[in-house]
Amino acid sequence: MRVTKALLGKHFGELAYIRGLVYYKLSPFEQKAFSGFTKSLSRTAYRLSSNVLAVVPPFVVGYFVFTETEKEFHRMCRKNPEDYVNDK
């Protein structure tokens, strides 16, 4: 059997037949693209506000640790002026 004969006239999603698998499709003309748009915005705001206490504190601690580590690194990279007081 040639591959071209098997694929002739078939679309990408129809290349294999699998038994026991049920597909449900809705016509694009029956879908409402922006149905419940305001409800979804309010739900998104509610979900974000409910997770703030779980997400924000680790980021704040991480930012604080990062900035303090960077400050300490730059402080350690500088030369100590007291070591060079008696140099001419």
C-alpha atoms as a PDB file:
ATOM      1  CA  MET A   1       0.000   0.000   0.000  1.00  0.00           C
ATOM      2  CA  ARG A   2       1.358   3.368  -0.948  1.00  0.00           C
ATOM      3  CA  VAL A   3       1.366   6.172   1.572  1.00  0.00           C
ATOM      4  CA  THR A   4      -0.086   8.615  -0.927  1.00  0.00           C
ATOM      5  CA  LYS A   5      -3.054   6.327  -1.620  1.00  0.00           C
ATOM      6  CA  ALA A   6      -3.779   5.987   2.101  1.00  0.00           C
ATOM      7  CA  LEU A   7      -3.560   9.716   2.743  1.00  0.00           C
ATOM      8  CA  LEU A   8      -5.404  10.770  -0.376  1.00  0.00           C
ATOM      9  CA  GLY A   9      -8.316  13.014   0.533  1.00  0.00           C
ATOM     10  CA  LYS A  10      -7.809  12.825   4.288  1.00  0.00           C
ATOM     11  CA  HIS A  11      -7.133  15.716   6.612  1.00  0.00           C
ATOM     12  CA  PHE A  12      -4.530  15.684   9.359  1.00  0.00           C
ATOM     13  CA  GLY A  13      -7.001  14.762  12.120  1.00  0.00           C
ATOM     14  CA  GLU A  14      -8.443  11.881  10.125  1.00  0.00           C
ATOM     15  CA  LEU A  15      -5.236   9.946   9.411  1.00  0.00           C
ATOM     16  CA  ALA A  16      -5.918   7.184  11.945  1.00  0.00           C
ATOM     17  CA  TYR A  17      -9.084   5.481  13.063  1.00  0.00           C
ATOM     18  CA  ILE A  18      -9.189   4.656  16.768  1.00  0.00           C
ATOM     19  CA  ARG A  19     -11.967   2.461  18.069  1.00  0.00           C
ATOM     20  CA  GLY A  20     -13.775   3.429  21.242  1.00  0.00           C
ATOM     21  CA  LEU A  21     -12.840   7.123  21.053  1.00  0.00           C
ATOM     22  CA  VAL A  22     -15.747   9.547  20.882  1.00  0.00           C
ATOM     23  CA  TYR A  23     -15.334  13.078  19.549  1.00  0.00           C
ATOM     24  CA  TYR A  24     -17.760  15.844  20.392  1.00  0.00           C
ATOM     25  CA  LYS A  25     -17.702  18.933  18.214  1.00  0.00           C
ATOM     26  CA  LEU A  26     -19.666  22.140  18.336  1.00  0.00           C
ATOM     27  CA  SER A  27     -20.275  24.150  15.237  1.00  0.00           C
ATOM     28  CA  PRO A  28     -18.358  27.451  15.194  1.00  0.00           C
ATOM     29  CA  PHE A  29     -21.629  29.143  14.303  1.00  0.00           C
ATOM     30  CA  GLU A  30     -23.167  27.996  17.604  1.00  0.00           C
ATOM     31  CA  GLN A  31     -20.311  29.153  19.805  1.00  0.00           C
ATOM     32  CA  LYS A  32     -20.422  32.457  21.612  1.00  0.00           C
ATOM     33  CA  ALA A  33     -16.856  33.739  21.709  1.00  0.00           C
ATOM     34  CA  PHE A  34     -17.365  36.422  24.369  1.00  0.00           C
ATOM     35  CA  SER A  35     -20.131  34.821  26.366  1.00  0.00           C
ATOM     36  CA  GLY A  36     -19.708  35.519  30.068  1.00  0.00           C
ATOM     37  CA  PHE A  37     -16.737  37.837  29.545  1.00  0.00           C
ATOM     38  CA  THR A  38     -17.544  39.996  32.589  1.00  0.00           C
ATOM     39  CA  LYS A  39     -18.029  36.922  34.781  1.00  0.00           C
ATOM     40  CA  SER A  40     -14.656  35.581  33.715  1.00  0.00           C
ATOM     41  CA  LEU A  41     -12.948  38.855  34.653  1.00  0.00           C
ATOM     42  CA  SER A  42     -14.517  38.817  38.104  1.00  0.00           C
ATOM     43  CA  ARG A  43     -13.567  35.150  38.587  1.00  0.00           C
ATOM     44  CA  THR A  44      -9.991  35.887  37.533  1.00  0.00           C
ATOM     45  CA  ALA A  45      -9.793  38.773  40.007  1.00  0.00           C
ATOM     46  CA  TYR A  46     -11.193  36.533  42.763  1.00  0.00           C
ATOM     47  CA  ARG A  47      -8.688  33.749  42.030  1.00  0.00           C
ATOM     48  CA  LEU A  48      -5.776  36.194  41.960  1.00  0.00           C
ATOM     49  CA  SER A  49      -6.836  37.782  45.238  1.00  0.00           C
ATOM     50  CA  SER A  50      -7.269  34.401  46.912  1.00  0.00           C
ATOM     51  CA  ASN A  51      -3.722  33.342  45.947  1.00  0.00           C
ATOM     52  CA  VAL A  52      -1.938  36.581  46.824  1.00  0.00           C
ATOM     53  CA  LEU A  53      -0.915  35.373  50.293  1.00  0.00           C
ATOM     54  CA  ALA A  54       0.578  32.206  48.846  1.00  0.00           C
ATOM     55  CA  VAL A  55       2.515  33.880  46.016  1.00  0.00           C
ATOM     56  CA  VAL A  56       3.631  37.349  47.114  1.00  0.00           C
ATOM     57  CA  PRO A  57       5.550  36.578  50.364  1.00  0.00           C
ATOM     58  CA  PRO A  58       8.049  34.196  48.701  1.00  0.00           C
ATOM     59  CA  PHE A  59       8.707  36.768  45.980  1.00  0.00           C
ATOM     60  CA  VAL A  60       9.201  39.523  48.567  1.00  0.00           C
ATOM     61  CA  VAL A  61      11.610  37.367  50.589  1.00  0.00           C
ATOM     62  CA  GLY A  62      13.447  36.341  47.429  1.00  0.00           C
ATOM     63  CA  TYR A  63      13.771  39.967  46.299  1.00  0.00           C
ATOM     64  CA  PHE A  64      15.042  41.027  49.733  1.00  0.00           C
ATOM     65  CA  VAL A  65      17.608  38.216  49.837  1.00  0.00           C
ATOM     66  CA  PHE A  66      18.747  39.007  46.281  1.00  0.00           C
ATOM     67  CA  THR A  67      19.193  42.738  46.878  1.00  0.00           C
ATOM     68  CA  GLU A  68      21.002  42.255  50.176  1.00  0.00           C
ATOM     69  CA  THR A  69      23.291  39.638  48.625  1.00  0.00           C
ATOM     70  CA  GLU A  70      24.111  41.987  45.743  1.00  0.00           C
ATOM     71  CA  LYS A  71      24.873  44.836  48.180  1.00  0.00           C
ATOM     72  CA  GLU A  72      27.158  42.584  50.205  1.00  0.00           C
ATOM     73  CA  PHE A  73      28.897  41.337  47.060  1.00  0.00           C
ATOM     74  CA  HIS A  74      29.624  44.868  45.871  1.00  0.00           C
ATOM     75  CA  ARG A  75      30.811  45.846  49.350  1.00  0.00           C
ATOM     76  CA  MET A  76      33.174  42.864  49.441  1.00  0.00           C
ATOM     77  CA  CYS A  77      34.561  43.721  45.978  1.00  0.00           C
ATOM     78  CA  ARG A  78      35.733  47.172  47.099  1.00  0.00           C
ATOM     79  CA  LYS A  79      39.181  47.652  48.495  1.00  0.00           C
ATOM     80  CA  ASN A  80      39.567  48.574  52.155  1.00  0.00           C
ATOM     81  CA  PRO A  81      41.040  52.134  52.307  1.00  0.00           C
ATOM     82  CA  GLU A  82      42.586  51.441  55.724  1.00  0.00           C
ATOM     83  CA  ASP A  83      44.979  48.935  54.132  1.00  0.00           C
ATOM     84  CA  TYR A  84      46.559  51.711  52.030  1.00  0.00           C
ATOM     85  CA  VAL A  85      46.903  54.544  54.600  1.00  0.00           C
ATOM     86  CA  ASN A  86      50.716  54.303  54.869  1.00  0.00           C
ATOM     87  CA  ASP A  87      51.451  53.789  51.158  1.00  0.00           C
ATOM     88  CA  LYS A  88      53.349  56.468  49.274  1.00  0.00           C
END
